[in-house]
Amino acid sequence: MKKETGNRHIIDMVFVVALLFLFSMSAIMLIALGSSIYSRGVSVMKKNYESRTAYAYITEKLRQYDTDGSISVGNIGRSVALKINSRLDGEEYVTYLYEYNGELREIFAKANAGKLRPSAGQKIMDISTLDIEPKGEGLLEITVTLMDGTDVTFVTSKKSTEGNDT
C-alpha cells in the first residue's frame, strides 16, 4: 500500500475551505438580494398606503355627510378646509378637514362653538399640503401633497349645492 502524501491532504483541505467559502458567499448574496427586494416592497406599500389613506379618508367623510347644502369650502385659521355641516339629535355640528403644520387634521364641534383654533384638530396623517377648489356645479377638486412630494388629486361630486363659505 502506498502512503498518502502531505500534498494531497493540503489540496483536500483547500478544496473544503473553498467550498465552505463559496457556500458562505452564496448565502450572504442571497440574504442581501432578499433584503433589497423586501425593502423595495415595503417602500411601495407605504407609498400606496399613504396615498390611499388620504384619498379614502376624505372621500368617505364627504360621502358620509353629503346631504343637500351640507358641504362647502371654508377656512379655519389660515388653512383652507372642507366644511361639513351635520345635524345630530336636533343640534347643528360642523366638521372641518384641513392641513395644519404638515398634518391632515379634523375638528368636529358644535356649529355655535365660536372661533376654533386649527391646532385643536385631531391629527389624521402627515401631509405636506391640502388644496381644495370648487370645479363647476357640485364638483370639488382636492389635491393632497404627501410628505414625499407625491400629489394625489381627485375630483369628487357632491349632492350639496351651497356655495363657498369663507
Protein backbone atom coordinates (compact mmCIF):
# COMPACT_ATOMS: atom_id res chain seq x y z
CA MET A 1 0.00 0.00 0.00
CA LYS A 2 1.02 3.46 -0.77
CA LYS A 3 1.15 6.10 1.97
CA GLU A 4 -0.77 9.36 1.46
CA THR A 5 1.46 12.31 0.96
CA GLY A 6 1.21 15.67 2.71
CA ASN A 7 0.34 17.46 -0.53
CA ARG A 8 -2.83 15.52 -1.00
CA HIS A 9 -4.10 16.48 2.45
CA ILE A 10 -3.45 20.16 1.77
CA ILE A 11 -5.37 20.01 -1.53
CA ASP A 12 -8.27 18.27 0.20
CA MET A 13 -8.26 20.91 2.94
CA VAL A 14 -8.08 23.79 0.39
CA PHE A 15 -10.99 22.26 -1.54
CA VAL A 16 -13.16 22.00 1.62
CA VAL A 17 -12.30 25.58 2.68
CA ALA A 18 -13.01 26.89 -0.84
CA LEU A 19 -16.34 25.04 -0.89
CA LEU A 20 -17.27 26.46 2.52
CA PHE A 21 -16.26 29.96 1.37
CA LEU A 22 -18.37 29.61 -1.80
CA PHE A 23 -21.37 28.43 0.23
CA SER A 24 -20.97 31.33 2.70
CA MET A 25 -20.71 33.92 -0.08
CA SER A 26 -23.78 32.48 -1.83
CA ALA A 27 -25.77 32.66 1.41
CA ILE A 28 -24.72 36.27 2.04
CA MET A 29 -25.60 37.30 -1.52
CA LEU A 30 -28.99 35.60 -1.23
CA ILE A 31 -29.71 37.42 2.05
CA ALA A 32 -28.66 40.77 0.54
CA LEU A 33 -30.86 40.21 -2.51
CA GLY A 34 -33.83 39.22 -0.35
CA SER A 35 -33.33 42.27 1.86
CA SER A 36 -33.25 44.58 -1.16
CA ILE A 37 -36.45 43.11 -2.58
CA TYR A 38 -38.16 43.32 0.82
CA SER A 39 -37.19 46.97 1.38
CA ARG A 40 -38.45 47.95 -2.10
CA GLY A 41 -41.73 46.15 -1.40
CA VAL A 42 -42.15 47.93 1.93
CA SER A 43 -41.43 51.30 0.29
CA VAL A 44 -44.04 50.74 -2.42
CA MET A 45 -46.61 49.53 0.11
CA LYS A 46 -46.01 52.57 2.35
CA LYS A 47 -46.44 54.97 -0.58
CA ASN A 48 -49.66 53.22 -1.67
CA TYR A 49 -50.95 53.22 1.91
CA GLU A 50 -50.35 56.95 2.35
CA SER A 51 -51.95 57.95 -0.94
CA ARG A 52 -54.93 55.64 -0.50
CA THR A 53 -55.45 56.66 3.13
CA ALA A 54 -55.61 60.37 2.31
CA TYR A 55 -57.97 59.77 -0.60
CA ALA A 56 -60.18 57.26 1.22
CA TYR A 57 -60.48 59.30 4.42
CA ILE A 58 -61.56 62.49 2.67
CA THR A 59 -63.96 60.82 0.23
CA GLU A 60 -65.53 58.71 2.97
CA LYS A 61 -66.19 61.81 5.09
CA LEU A 62 -67.75 63.53 2.07
CA ARG A 63 -69.97 60.55 1.27
CA GLN A 64 -70.94 60.04 4.89
CA TYR A 65 -72.28 63.57 5.36
CA ASP A 66 -73.20 64.58 1.80
CA THR A 67 -76.73 65.88 2.03
CA ASP A 68 -78.13 68.89 0.23
CA GLY A 69 -76.27 72.01 1.36
CA SER A 70 -74.01 70.32 3.93
CA ILE A 71 -70.59 70.52 2.22
CA SER A 72 -68.75 73.72 1.43
CA VAL A 73 -65.23 75.10 1.25
CA GLY A 74 -64.29 77.32 4.16
CA ASN A 75 -61.36 78.41 6.26
CA ILE A 76 -60.13 77.53 9.71
CA GLY A 77 -57.43 79.94 10.73
CA ARG A 78 -55.31 80.46 7.62
CA SER A 79 -55.98 76.98 6.24
CA VAL A 80 -58.50 76.15 3.54
CA ALA A 81 -60.85 73.47 4.78
CA LEU A 82 -63.70 71.22 3.80
CA LYS A 83 -66.60 72.32 5.95
CA ILE A 84 -69.24 69.68 6.58
CA ASN A 85 -72.43 70.67 8.39
CA SER A 86 -74.47 67.97 10.08
CA ARG A 87 -77.38 67.59 12.45
CA LEU A 88 -77.36 65.11 15.33
CA ASP A 89 -80.13 64.79 17.89
CA GLY A 90 -81.56 68.14 16.80
CA GLU A 91 -78.29 70.05 17.21
CA GLU A 92 -76.10 71.54 14.49
CA TYR A 93 -72.48 70.38 14.23
CA VAL A 94 -69.63 71.21 11.87
CA THR A 95 -66.65 69.13 10.79
CA TYR A 96 -63.56 70.71 9.29
CA LEU A 97 -60.95 68.74 7.30
CA TYR A 98 -57.80 70.80 6.73
CA GLU A 99 -54.00 70.86 6.69
CA TYR A 100 -52.16 72.36 9.64
CA ASN A 101 -48.39 72.15 10.29
CA GLY A 102 -47.87 69.31 7.83
CA GLU A 103 -50.79 67.21 9.08
CA LEU A 104 -54.25 66.39 7.80
CA ARG A 105 -56.49 67.32 10.71
CA GLU A 106 -60.16 67.12 11.61
CA ILE A 107 -62.28 69.10 14.05
CA PHE A 108 -65.82 68.09 14.97
CA ALA A 109 -67.63 70.72 17.06
CA LYS A 110 -70.99 72.34 17.68
CA ALA A 111 -71.81 74.86 14.98
CA ASN A 112 -72.11 77.65 17.57
CA ALA A 113 -68.78 76.83 19.27
CA GLY A 114 -67.27 80.11 18.11
CA LYS A 115 -63.82 80.55 16.61
CA LEU A 116 -61.93 77.25 16.50
CA ARG A 117 -58.14 77.03 16.66
CA PRO A 118 -56.53 74.91 13.91
CA SER A 119 -54.16 73.38 16.46
CA ALA A 120 -57.15 71.85 18.29
CA GLY A 121 -57.89 69.40 15.48
CA GLN A 122 -57.17 65.70 15.68
CA LYS A 123 -54.23 64.53 13.57
CA ILE A 124 -55.22 62.06 10.86
CA MET A 125 -51.93 61.66 8.97
CA ASP A 126 -48.84 63.54 7.82
CA ILE A 127 -49.25 65.50 4.59
CA SER A 128 -47.49 68.46 3.05
CA THR A 129 -50.44 70.45 1.64
CA LEU A 130 -54.17 70.21 1.03
CA ASP A 131 -55.74 72.22 -1.79
CA ILE A 132 -59.50 72.32 -2.38
CA GLU A 133 -61.02 74.01 -5.41
CA PRO A 134 -64.67 74.10 -6.42
CA LYS A 135 -64.92 73.00 -10.07
CA GLY A 136 -68.29 73.68 -11.59
CA GLU A 137 -71.65 72.72 -10.19
CA GLY A 138 -71.24 70.29 -7.31
CA LEU A 139 -67.64 69.27 -8.09
CA LEU A 140 -64.60 69.62 -5.86
CA GLU A 141 -61.02 69.09 -6.98
CA ILE A 142 -58.94 68.02 -3.99
CA THR A 143 -55.15 67.76 -4.14
CA VAL A 144 -53.24 66.21 -1.25
CA THR A 145 -49.46 66.53 -1.40
CA LEU A 146 -47.82 63.77 0.61
CA MET A 147 -44.62 64.21 2.61
CA ASP A 148 -42.52 62.70 -0.21
CA GLY A 149 -43.87 65.30 -2.66
CA THR A 150 -46.32 62.98 -4.43
CA ASP A 151 -49.61 64.64 -5.39
CA VAL A 152 -52.88 62.75 -5.02
CA THR A 153 -55.52 64.63 -7.00
CA PHE A 154 -59.13 63.58 -7.30
CA VAL A 155 -62.38 65.17 -8.33
CA THR A 156 -65.47 64.33 -6.34
CA SER A 157 -69.07 65.32 -6.76
CA LYS A 158 -71.39 66.35 -4.02
CA LYS A 159 -75.14 66.45 -3.69
CA SER A 160 -74.96 69.63 -1.67
CA THR A 161 -75.41 72.85 -3.59
CA GLU A 162 -74.49 75.50 -1.04
CA GLY A 163 -71.84 77.95 -2.23
CA ASN A 164 -68.39 78.55 -0.79
CA ASP A 165 -68.18 79.77 2.77
CA THR A 166 -65.18 81.92 3.63
